N, C-alpha and C. Protein backbone atom coordinates (compact mmCIF):
# COMPACT_ATOMS: atom_id res chain seq x y z
N MET A 1 44.03 -54.53 -95.22
CA MET A 1 44.33 -55.70 -96.02
C MET A 1 45.46 -56.47 -95.35
N PRO A 2 45.37 -57.81 -95.27
CA PRO A 2 46.43 -58.60 -94.67
C PRO A 2 47.76 -58.44 -95.42
N LYS A 3 48.85 -58.43 -94.66
CA LYS A 3 50.19 -58.28 -95.24
C LYS A 3 51.00 -59.57 -95.17
N GLY A 4 50.60 -60.49 -94.31
CA GLY A 4 51.35 -61.74 -94.17
C GLY A 4 51.25 -62.26 -92.75
N LEU A 5 51.96 -63.32 -92.50
CA LEU A 5 51.97 -63.96 -91.20
C LEU A 5 53.00 -63.26 -90.31
N ASP A 6 52.57 -62.72 -89.18
CA ASP A 6 53.45 -61.93 -88.33
C ASP A 6 54.25 -62.78 -87.36
N HIS A 7 53.59 -63.71 -86.64
CA HIS A 7 54.32 -64.55 -85.71
C HIS A 7 53.56 -65.85 -85.46
N ILE A 8 54.30 -66.84 -84.99
CA ILE A 8 53.75 -68.13 -84.61
C ILE A 8 54.33 -68.43 -83.24
N ASP A 9 53.47 -68.79 -82.28
CA ASP A 9 53.95 -69.19 -80.96
C ASP A 9 53.81 -70.70 -80.82
N LEU A 10 54.86 -71.33 -80.33
CA LEU A 10 54.84 -72.76 -80.04
C LEU A 10 54.79 -72.94 -78.53
N ALA A 11 53.91 -73.80 -78.06
CA ALA A 11 53.90 -74.20 -76.66
C ALA A 11 54.82 -75.41 -76.55
N VAL A 12 55.87 -75.28 -75.74
CA VAL A 12 56.92 -76.30 -75.66
C VAL A 12 57.10 -76.75 -74.21
N LYS A 13 57.64 -77.97 -74.03
CA LYS A 13 57.86 -78.49 -72.69
C LYS A 13 58.89 -77.68 -71.92
N ASP A 14 59.99 -77.38 -72.57
CA ASP A 14 61.11 -76.70 -71.91
C ASP A 14 61.59 -75.57 -72.81
N PRO A 15 61.13 -74.34 -72.57
CA PRO A 15 61.51 -73.22 -73.45
C PRO A 15 63.02 -73.03 -73.59
N ASP A 16 63.78 -73.24 -72.53
CA ASP A 16 65.24 -73.07 -72.63
C ASP A 16 65.85 -74.10 -73.57
N ARG A 17 65.38 -75.33 -73.47
CA ARG A 17 65.88 -76.39 -74.37
C ARG A 17 65.52 -76.08 -75.82
N SER A 18 64.30 -75.62 -76.05
CA SER A 18 63.87 -75.26 -77.40
C SER A 18 64.66 -74.07 -77.92
N LEU A 19 64.89 -73.09 -77.04
CA LEU A 19 65.68 -71.92 -77.42
C LEU A 19 67.09 -72.35 -77.83
N ASP A 20 67.70 -73.24 -77.07
CA ASP A 20 69.04 -73.75 -77.42
C ASP A 20 69.03 -74.44 -78.78
N PHE A 21 67.98 -75.21 -79.06
CA PHE A 21 67.88 -75.92 -80.34
C PHE A 21 67.80 -74.93 -81.51
N TYR A 22 66.84 -74.01 -81.46
CA TYR A 22 66.65 -73.09 -82.59
C TYR A 22 67.84 -72.16 -82.77
N LEU A 23 68.40 -71.65 -81.67
CA LEU A 23 69.58 -70.79 -81.80
C LEU A 23 70.80 -71.59 -82.23
N GLY A 24 70.90 -72.84 -81.78
CA GLY A 24 72.01 -73.69 -82.22
C GLY A 24 71.96 -73.99 -83.70
N MET A 25 70.77 -74.19 -84.23
CA MET A 25 70.60 -74.51 -85.65
C MET A 25 70.75 -73.27 -86.53
N LEU A 26 70.14 -72.15 -86.12
CA LEU A 26 70.06 -70.99 -87.01
C LEU A 26 70.71 -69.72 -86.46
N GLY A 27 71.21 -69.76 -85.24
CA GLY A 27 71.89 -68.59 -84.68
C GLY A 27 73.04 -68.09 -85.54
N PRO A 28 73.89 -69.00 -86.07
CA PRO A 28 74.99 -68.53 -86.93
C PRO A 28 74.51 -67.81 -88.20
N LEU A 29 73.24 -67.98 -88.54
CA LEU A 29 72.68 -67.30 -89.72
C LEU A 29 71.91 -66.04 -89.33
N GLY A 30 71.95 -65.67 -88.05
CA GLY A 30 71.34 -64.42 -87.63
C GLY A 30 70.11 -64.54 -86.75
N LEU A 31 69.60 -65.76 -86.51
CA LEU A 31 68.44 -65.88 -85.63
C LEU A 31 68.86 -65.48 -84.22
N ARG A 32 68.01 -64.65 -83.60
CA ARG A 32 68.35 -64.16 -82.26
C ARG A 32 67.07 -63.89 -81.47
N VAL A 33 67.24 -63.77 -80.15
CA VAL A 33 66.12 -63.38 -79.30
C VAL A 33 65.84 -61.91 -79.55
N GLU A 34 64.60 -61.59 -79.92
CA GLU A 34 64.22 -60.20 -80.18
C GLU A 34 63.35 -59.62 -79.09
N GLY A 35 62.79 -60.46 -78.24
CA GLY A 35 61.97 -59.93 -77.17
C GLY A 35 61.50 -61.02 -76.24
N ARG A 36 61.22 -60.63 -75.02
CA ARG A 36 60.64 -61.52 -74.00
C ARG A 36 59.49 -60.75 -73.36
N PHE A 37 58.35 -61.42 -73.27
CA PHE A 37 57.16 -60.77 -72.73
C PHE A 37 56.41 -61.72 -71.83
N GLN A 38 55.76 -61.17 -70.80
CA GLN A 38 54.83 -61.93 -69.99
C GLN A 38 53.60 -62.16 -70.85
N THR A 39 53.06 -63.37 -70.85
CA THR A 39 51.88 -63.65 -71.67
C THR A 39 50.63 -63.03 -71.05
N TYR A 40 49.57 -63.02 -71.80
CA TYR A 40 48.31 -62.45 -71.33
C TYR A 40 47.79 -63.20 -70.10
N ARG A 41 48.18 -64.49 -69.96
CA ARG A 41 47.75 -65.27 -68.79
C ARG A 41 48.55 -64.91 -67.55
N GLU A 42 49.68 -64.26 -67.78
CA GLU A 42 50.60 -63.87 -66.71
C GLU A 42 51.12 -65.07 -65.93
N THR A 43 51.17 -66.23 -66.59
CA THR A 43 51.70 -67.43 -65.94
C THR A 43 53.01 -67.89 -66.56
N GLU A 44 53.38 -67.35 -67.70
CA GLU A 44 54.62 -67.74 -68.37
C GLU A 44 55.11 -66.61 -69.25
N GLU A 45 56.36 -66.74 -69.65
CA GLU A 45 56.99 -65.77 -70.54
C GLU A 45 57.01 -66.37 -71.95
N VAL A 46 56.89 -65.51 -72.94
CA VAL A 46 57.08 -65.94 -74.32
C VAL A 46 58.35 -65.26 -74.82
N VAL A 47 59.19 -66.04 -75.49
CA VAL A 47 60.44 -65.53 -76.06
C VAL A 47 60.26 -65.50 -77.57
N TYR A 48 60.49 -64.34 -78.19
CA TYR A 48 60.35 -64.22 -79.64
C TYR A 48 61.72 -64.22 -80.31
N LEU A 49 61.82 -65.06 -81.34
CA LEU A 49 63.04 -65.18 -82.14
C LEU A 49 62.79 -64.61 -83.52
N GLY A 50 63.81 -63.98 -84.07
CA GLY A 50 63.72 -63.44 -85.43
C GLY A 50 65.11 -63.21 -85.98
N PHE A 51 65.15 -62.78 -87.22
CA PHE A 51 66.41 -62.53 -87.91
C PHE A 51 66.77 -61.05 -87.96
N GLY A 52 66.08 -60.24 -87.14
CA GLY A 52 66.44 -58.84 -87.03
C GLY A 52 65.99 -57.97 -88.18
N GLN A 53 65.04 -58.46 -88.99
CA GLN A 53 64.54 -57.64 -90.08
C GLN A 53 63.62 -56.58 -89.51
N ARG A 54 63.74 -55.39 -90.02
CA ARG A 54 62.90 -54.29 -89.55
C ARG A 54 61.53 -54.38 -90.21
N HIS A 55 60.54 -53.92 -89.49
CA HIS A 55 59.20 -53.84 -90.07
C HIS A 55 59.20 -52.76 -91.15
N VAL A 56 58.64 -53.09 -92.28
CA VAL A 56 58.56 -52.15 -93.40
C VAL A 56 57.10 -51.71 -93.52
N PHE A 57 56.85 -50.42 -93.39
CA PHE A 57 55.49 -49.91 -93.47
C PHE A 57 54.86 -50.34 -94.79
N GLY A 58 53.73 -51.03 -94.68
CA GLY A 58 53.01 -51.47 -95.86
C GLY A 58 53.56 -52.74 -96.48
N GLY A 59 54.61 -53.31 -95.90
CA GLY A 59 55.24 -54.50 -96.48
C GLY A 59 55.02 -55.75 -95.65
N GLN A 60 55.50 -56.84 -96.16
CA GLN A 60 55.43 -58.12 -95.47
C GLN A 60 56.36 -58.10 -94.26
N PRO A 61 55.83 -58.30 -93.06
CA PRO A 61 56.70 -58.35 -91.90
C PRO A 61 57.46 -59.67 -91.86
N GLU A 62 58.58 -59.66 -91.16
CA GLU A 62 59.26 -60.92 -90.89
C GLU A 62 58.35 -61.73 -89.97
N THR A 63 58.24 -63.01 -90.21
CA THR A 63 57.49 -63.87 -89.32
C THR A 63 58.39 -64.28 -88.17
N ARG A 64 57.97 -64.00 -86.95
CA ARG A 64 58.76 -64.34 -85.78
C ARG A 64 58.22 -65.60 -85.13
N LEU A 65 59.12 -66.30 -84.43
CA LEU A 65 58.76 -67.53 -83.75
C LEU A 65 58.77 -67.30 -82.25
N GLY A 66 57.66 -67.59 -81.60
CA GLY A 66 57.55 -67.47 -80.15
C GLY A 66 57.63 -68.83 -79.49
N LEU A 67 58.31 -68.89 -78.36
CA LEU A 67 58.41 -70.12 -77.57
C LEU A 67 57.87 -69.82 -76.18
N ARG A 68 56.92 -70.62 -75.73
CA ARG A 68 56.34 -70.45 -74.40
C ARG A 68 56.11 -71.82 -73.79
N LYS A 69 56.10 -71.88 -72.47
CA LYS A 69 55.94 -73.15 -71.77
C LYS A 69 54.53 -73.69 -71.96
N ALA A 70 54.46 -74.97 -72.32
CA ALA A 70 53.18 -75.65 -72.49
C ALA A 70 52.62 -76.03 -71.12
N ASP A 71 51.31 -76.17 -71.06
CA ASP A 71 50.67 -76.64 -69.83
C ASP A 71 50.84 -78.15 -69.67
N GLY A 72 51.25 -78.82 -70.71
CA GLY A 72 51.41 -80.28 -70.68
C GLY A 72 51.09 -80.86 -72.03
N GLY A 73 51.10 -82.15 -72.12
CA GLY A 73 50.74 -82.83 -73.36
C GLY A 73 51.94 -83.15 -74.22
N GLU A 74 51.67 -83.78 -75.35
CA GLU A 74 52.69 -84.21 -76.30
C GLU A 74 52.32 -83.71 -77.69
N HIS A 75 53.33 -83.34 -78.47
CA HIS A 75 53.09 -83.02 -79.88
C HIS A 75 53.04 -84.34 -80.64
N LEU A 76 52.03 -84.52 -81.48
CA LEU A 76 51.93 -85.72 -82.29
C LEU A 76 52.17 -85.34 -83.75
N TYR A 77 53.19 -85.95 -84.34
CA TYR A 77 53.49 -85.72 -85.75
C TYR A 77 52.27 -86.12 -86.58
N TYR A 78 51.77 -85.19 -87.35
CA TYR A 78 50.56 -85.32 -88.16
C TYR A 78 49.29 -85.33 -87.33
N GLY A 79 49.38 -84.96 -86.04
CA GLY A 79 48.18 -84.73 -85.26
C GLY A 79 47.67 -83.33 -85.60
N VAL A 80 46.55 -82.95 -85.02
CA VAL A 80 46.03 -81.60 -85.25
C VAL A 80 47.06 -80.60 -84.75
N GLY A 81 47.31 -79.58 -85.52
CA GLY A 81 48.29 -78.57 -85.16
C GLY A 81 49.32 -78.40 -86.26
N ILE A 82 50.44 -77.85 -85.90
CA ILE A 82 51.48 -77.57 -86.88
C ILE A 82 52.10 -78.89 -87.37
N GLU A 83 52.15 -79.06 -88.68
CA GLU A 83 52.81 -80.24 -89.27
C GLU A 83 54.31 -79.98 -89.35
N HIS A 84 54.71 -78.80 -89.83
CA HIS A 84 56.12 -78.43 -89.77
C HIS A 84 56.30 -76.93 -89.95
N LEU A 85 57.47 -76.45 -89.52
CA LEU A 85 57.89 -75.07 -89.73
C LEU A 85 59.01 -75.10 -90.75
N ALA A 86 59.10 -74.10 -91.61
CA ALA A 86 60.19 -74.04 -92.58
C ALA A 86 60.89 -72.70 -92.50
N PHE A 87 62.21 -72.75 -92.44
CA PHE A 87 63.05 -71.56 -92.46
C PHE A 87 63.80 -71.56 -93.79
N THR A 88 63.78 -70.45 -94.50
CA THR A 88 64.51 -70.35 -95.76
C THR A 88 65.84 -69.65 -95.52
N VAL A 89 66.87 -70.13 -96.22
CA VAL A 89 68.21 -69.56 -96.09
C VAL A 89 68.72 -69.19 -97.49
N ASP A 90 69.87 -68.51 -97.53
CA ASP A 90 70.37 -67.94 -98.78
C ASP A 90 71.05 -68.91 -99.72
N SER A 91 71.50 -70.08 -99.24
CA SER A 91 72.25 -70.97 -100.12
C SER A 91 72.14 -72.42 -99.67
N ARG A 92 72.51 -73.32 -100.57
CA ARG A 92 72.58 -74.74 -100.23
C ARG A 92 73.62 -74.97 -99.14
N THR A 93 74.70 -74.21 -99.19
CA THR A 93 75.75 -74.33 -98.18
C THR A 93 75.18 -74.05 -96.79
N GLU A 94 74.32 -73.04 -96.68
CA GLU A 94 73.71 -72.73 -95.39
C GLU A 94 72.77 -73.85 -94.94
N VAL A 95 72.08 -74.50 -95.88
CA VAL A 95 71.27 -75.67 -95.54
C VAL A 95 72.18 -76.76 -94.97
N ASP A 96 73.26 -77.05 -95.68
CA ASP A 96 74.19 -78.10 -95.25
C ASP A 96 74.83 -77.78 -93.90
N ASP A 97 75.18 -76.52 -93.68
CA ASP A 97 75.79 -76.11 -92.42
C ASP A 97 74.81 -76.26 -91.26
N ALA A 98 73.54 -75.87 -91.46
CA ALA A 98 72.52 -76.04 -90.42
C ALA A 98 72.31 -77.52 -90.11
N TYR A 99 72.32 -78.34 -91.14
CA TYR A 99 72.21 -79.79 -90.97
C TYR A 99 73.36 -80.32 -90.11
N GLN A 100 74.58 -79.89 -90.39
CA GLN A 100 75.73 -80.33 -89.62
C GLN A 100 75.62 -79.89 -88.16
N ARG A 101 75.12 -78.70 -87.92
CA ARG A 101 74.93 -78.24 -86.54
C ARG A 101 73.89 -79.10 -85.82
N CYS A 102 72.83 -79.49 -86.52
CA CYS A 102 71.82 -80.37 -85.92
C CYS A 102 72.42 -81.73 -85.57
N LEU A 103 73.24 -82.27 -86.46
CA LEU A 103 73.90 -83.54 -86.16
C LEU A 103 74.79 -83.40 -84.92
N ALA A 104 75.52 -82.30 -84.85
CA ALA A 104 76.42 -82.07 -83.71
C ALA A 104 75.64 -81.94 -82.40
N MET A 105 74.39 -81.43 -82.46
CA MET A 105 73.56 -81.30 -81.26
C MET A 105 72.88 -82.62 -80.89
N GLY A 106 72.99 -83.63 -81.76
CA GLY A 106 72.32 -84.90 -81.51
C GLY A 106 70.85 -84.88 -81.85
N ALA A 107 70.42 -83.93 -82.67
CA ALA A 107 69.00 -83.82 -83.05
C ALA A 107 68.60 -84.99 -83.94
N ARG A 108 67.33 -85.33 -83.92
CA ARG A 108 66.81 -86.42 -84.75
C ARG A 108 66.51 -85.89 -86.14
N ILE A 109 67.29 -86.34 -87.10
CA ILE A 109 67.12 -85.95 -88.50
C ILE A 109 66.07 -86.86 -89.13
N GLN A 110 65.14 -86.27 -89.85
CA GLN A 110 64.17 -87.08 -90.58
C GLN A 110 64.66 -87.33 -92.00
N ILE A 111 65.07 -86.25 -92.68
CA ILE A 111 65.54 -86.35 -94.07
C ILE A 111 66.78 -85.49 -94.20
N ALA A 112 67.88 -86.10 -94.64
CA ALA A 112 69.13 -85.37 -94.86
C ALA A 112 68.95 -84.39 -96.03
N PRO A 113 69.85 -83.42 -96.17
CA PRO A 113 69.70 -82.45 -97.27
C PRO A 113 69.60 -83.13 -98.63
N GLU A 114 68.64 -82.69 -99.40
CA GLU A 114 68.45 -83.22 -100.75
C GLU A 114 67.63 -82.22 -101.56
N GLU A 115 67.74 -82.35 -102.88
CA GLU A 115 66.89 -81.56 -103.76
C GLU A 115 65.53 -82.23 -103.81
N GLU A 116 64.49 -81.41 -103.73
CA GLU A 116 63.12 -81.93 -103.75
C GLU A 116 62.87 -82.65 -105.08
N PRO A 117 62.44 -83.92 -105.04
CA PRO A 117 62.25 -84.67 -106.29
C PRO A 117 61.26 -84.02 -107.25
N ASP A 118 60.14 -83.41 -106.74
CA ASP A 118 59.16 -82.82 -107.65
C ASP A 118 59.36 -81.33 -107.85
N LEU A 119 60.43 -80.76 -107.30
CA LEU A 119 60.64 -79.32 -107.47
C LEU A 119 62.14 -79.04 -107.58
N PRO A 120 62.73 -79.38 -108.74
CA PRO A 120 64.17 -79.15 -108.91
C PRO A 120 64.52 -77.69 -108.61
N GLY A 121 65.59 -77.51 -107.84
CA GLY A 121 66.00 -76.17 -107.43
C GLY A 121 65.57 -75.84 -106.00
N TYR A 122 64.80 -76.75 -105.38
CA TYR A 122 64.39 -76.59 -103.98
C TYR A 122 65.17 -77.62 -103.18
N TYR A 123 66.00 -77.15 -102.24
CA TYR A 123 66.94 -77.99 -101.51
C TYR A 123 66.65 -77.84 -100.02
N ALA A 124 66.52 -78.96 -99.30
CA ALA A 124 66.10 -78.86 -97.90
C ALA A 124 66.50 -80.09 -97.10
N PHE A 125 66.42 -79.95 -95.77
CA PHE A 125 66.47 -81.09 -94.87
C PHE A 125 65.40 -80.89 -93.80
N PHE A 126 65.06 -82.01 -93.12
CA PHE A 126 64.04 -81.99 -92.07
C PHE A 126 64.61 -82.60 -90.80
N VAL A 127 64.30 -81.95 -89.67
CA VAL A 127 64.77 -82.38 -88.36
C VAL A 127 63.62 -82.19 -87.37
N PHE A 128 63.63 -82.96 -86.28
CA PHE A 128 62.63 -82.78 -85.24
C PHE A 128 63.22 -81.93 -84.11
N ASP A 129 62.45 -80.94 -83.64
CA ASP A 129 62.90 -80.12 -82.51
C ASP A 129 62.73 -80.94 -81.22
N PRO A 130 63.11 -80.40 -80.06
CA PRO A 130 63.04 -81.18 -78.83
C PRO A 130 61.64 -81.68 -78.45
N ASP A 131 60.60 -81.06 -78.98
CA ASP A 131 59.23 -81.51 -78.70
C ASP A 131 58.65 -82.38 -79.81
N GLY A 132 59.46 -82.72 -80.79
CA GLY A 132 58.97 -83.57 -81.88
C GLY A 132 58.30 -82.81 -83.01
N ILE A 133 58.40 -81.49 -83.01
CA ILE A 133 57.85 -80.68 -84.11
C ILE A 133 58.85 -80.73 -85.26
N ARG A 134 58.36 -81.05 -86.44
CA ARG A 134 59.23 -81.17 -87.61
C ARG A 134 59.60 -79.78 -88.11
N VAL A 135 60.89 -79.58 -88.35
CA VAL A 135 61.42 -78.30 -88.81
C VAL A 135 62.19 -78.53 -90.10
N GLU A 136 61.97 -77.66 -91.06
CA GLU A 136 62.65 -77.72 -92.36
C GLU A 136 63.55 -76.51 -92.49
N VAL A 137 64.74 -76.71 -93.05
CA VAL A 137 65.60 -75.61 -93.47
C VAL A 137 65.77 -75.79 -94.97
N CYS A 138 65.41 -74.74 -95.74
CA CYS A 138 65.36 -74.89 -97.19
C CYS A 138 66.02 -73.72 -97.92
N HIS A 139 66.34 -73.98 -99.17
CA HIS A 139 66.84 -72.94 -100.07
C HIS A 139 66.13 -73.09 -101.41
N TRP A 140 65.60 -71.99 -101.90
CA TRP A 140 64.97 -71.94 -103.22
C TRP A 140 65.98 -71.35 -104.20
N SER A 141 66.19 -71.99 -105.34
CA SER A 141 66.99 -71.34 -106.38
C SER A 141 66.20 -70.15 -106.91
N ASP A 142 66.88 -69.19 -107.50
CA ASP A 142 66.19 -68.02 -108.06
C ASP A 142 65.16 -68.45 -109.10
N GLU A 143 65.53 -69.45 -109.91
CA GLU A 143 64.63 -69.91 -110.97
C GLU A 143 63.35 -70.52 -110.41
N VAL A 144 63.47 -71.40 -109.41
CA VAL A 144 62.27 -72.04 -108.88
C VAL A 144 61.43 -71.03 -108.10
N ARG A 145 62.05 -70.08 -107.42
CA ARG A 145 61.30 -69.03 -106.73
C ARG A 145 60.50 -68.20 -107.74
N GLN A 146 61.13 -67.86 -108.87
CA GLN A 146 60.44 -67.09 -109.90
C GLN A 146 59.26 -67.88 -110.48
N GLN A 147 59.47 -69.19 -110.72
CA GLN A 147 58.38 -70.03 -111.21
C GLN A 147 57.21 -70.02 -110.23
N TRP A 148 57.53 -70.16 -108.94
CA TRP A 148 56.48 -70.15 -107.91
C TRP A 148 55.74 -68.82 -107.92
N ASP A 149 56.51 -67.72 -107.94
CA ASP A 149 55.90 -66.39 -107.95
C ASP A 149 55.04 -66.16 -109.19
N ASP A 150 55.43 -66.77 -110.31
CA ASP A 150 54.68 -66.64 -111.55
C ASP A 150 53.48 -67.59 -111.62
N GLY A 151 53.32 -68.42 -110.60
CA GLY A 151 52.19 -69.35 -110.58
C GLY A 151 52.43 -70.63 -111.35
N VAL A 152 53.68 -70.92 -111.70
CA VAL A 152 54.01 -72.16 -112.39
C VAL A 152 54.37 -73.17 -111.31
N HIS A 153 53.45 -74.10 -111.02
CA HIS A 153 53.67 -75.07 -109.95
C HIS A 153 53.79 -76.46 -110.54
N VAL A 154 54.66 -77.24 -109.96
CA VAL A 154 54.83 -78.63 -110.36
C VAL A 154 53.80 -79.45 -109.60
N GLU A 155 53.09 -80.32 -110.32
CA GLU A 155 52.13 -81.20 -109.66
C GLU A 155 52.90 -82.27 -108.92
N ALA A 156 52.69 -82.38 -107.63
CA ALA A 156 53.43 -83.34 -106.80
C ALA A 156 52.99 -84.75 -107.11
N GLY A 157 53.96 -85.63 -107.20
CA GLY A 157 53.70 -87.05 -107.38
C GLY A 157 53.67 -87.76 -106.04
N PRO A 158 53.72 -89.08 -106.06
CA PRO A 158 53.73 -89.82 -104.80
C PRO A 158 54.94 -89.44 -103.95
N ARG A 159 54.74 -89.40 -102.66
CA ARG A 159 55.80 -89.01 -101.73
C ARG A 159 56.52 -90.25 -101.20
N ARG A 160 57.57 -90.00 -100.45
CA ARG A 160 58.32 -91.06 -99.80
C ARG A 160 57.42 -91.80 -98.82
N PRO A 161 57.70 -93.06 -98.58
CA PRO A 161 56.91 -93.81 -97.59
C PRO A 161 56.98 -93.18 -96.20
N ASP A 162 58.07 -92.52 -95.85
CA ASP A 162 58.22 -91.97 -94.50
C ASP A 162 57.46 -90.66 -94.32
N ASP A 163 56.70 -90.21 -95.31
CA ASP A 163 55.89 -89.01 -95.17
C ASP A 163 54.51 -89.32 -94.61
N SER A 164 54.25 -90.59 -94.33
CA SER A 164 52.94 -90.95 -93.79
C SER A 164 52.90 -90.65 -92.29
N PRO A 165 51.70 -90.54 -91.73
CA PRO A 165 51.61 -90.28 -90.29
C PRO A 165 52.35 -91.34 -89.50
N GLN A 166 52.98 -90.91 -88.41
CA GLN A 166 53.76 -91.81 -87.59
C GLN A 166 53.34 -91.68 -86.14
N GLN A 167 53.78 -92.62 -85.34
CA GLN A 167 53.56 -92.55 -83.91
C GLN A 167 54.43 -91.44 -83.34
N PRO A 168 54.10 -90.94 -82.15
CA PRO A 168 54.94 -89.92 -81.53
C PRO A 168 56.37 -90.44 -81.41
N CYS A 169 57.32 -89.56 -81.57
CA CYS A 169 58.71 -89.97 -81.51
C CYS A 169 59.43 -89.21 -80.41
N ASN A 170 60.51 -89.76 -79.95
CA ASN A 170 61.37 -89.06 -79.02
C ASN A 170 62.48 -88.44 -79.84
N PRO A 171 62.46 -87.12 -80.06
CA PRO A 171 63.44 -86.49 -80.93
C PRO A 171 64.85 -86.52 -80.36
N CYS A 172 64.97 -86.86 -79.09
CA CYS A 172 66.32 -86.91 -78.51
C CYS A 172 67.01 -88.22 -78.83
N LEU A 173 66.24 -89.22 -79.24
CA LEU A 173 66.83 -90.48 -79.66
C LEU A 173 66.96 -90.43 -81.17
N HIS A 174 68.11 -90.75 -81.66
CA HIS A 174 68.26 -90.70 -83.12
C HIS A 174 68.79 -92.03 -83.62
N ALA A 175 68.45 -92.33 -84.85
CA ALA A 175 68.86 -93.58 -85.46
C ALA A 175 70.37 -93.61 -85.65
N SER A 176 70.87 -94.81 -85.88
CA SER A 176 72.32 -94.96 -86.00
C SER A 176 72.85 -94.36 -87.31
N ASP A 177 72.00 -94.21 -88.30
CA ASP A 177 72.49 -93.56 -89.53
C ASP A 177 72.02 -92.12 -89.54
N SER A 178 72.62 -91.31 -90.40
CA SER A 178 72.34 -89.88 -90.39
C SER A 178 70.98 -89.51 -90.98
N SER A 179 70.28 -90.46 -91.62
CA SER A 179 68.99 -90.13 -92.21
C SER A 179 67.88 -90.04 -91.18
N GLY A 180 68.07 -90.70 -90.02
CA GLY A 180 67.05 -90.68 -88.99
C GLY A 180 65.86 -91.55 -89.31
N ARG A 181 65.94 -92.34 -90.38
CA ARG A 181 64.81 -93.20 -90.76
C ARG A 181 64.92 -94.55 -90.12
């Protein structure tokens, strides 16, 4: 029987640059390199990042993030593939701190930290990684997590205008204001 999602590998232009981004954003919260392996193609290395959680027999494994060199191409926001990755943290303060680290790195912020309009108690921000992949850092309040686990879901209303598909962006260029819009 399936236990959960074990790992996700991203094909990136520059694995070292991506590694610096993810460790810069979440390293202070425990994200670290857990392994490096030659891929099955034997043409590149994959680096796995995780928070050091041990595998629990019969339990949900930690989902690890792999970074490997892409053969080429561009990530298109809302193109086929990953729309975004989300990392959950223990508090709103940790969301805010990760946001500040992204600003300090010059990352392109899409949405500054805010409580989700249709899900009170869910607090998050969105940033683009060096390849333009949208990344979320979020915190669930105990109450909203319990509601989700109990199957009580809020029906989502209309979203922000900036949630529509967009042209490819250069995540290294950021807008003059902190919202990145």
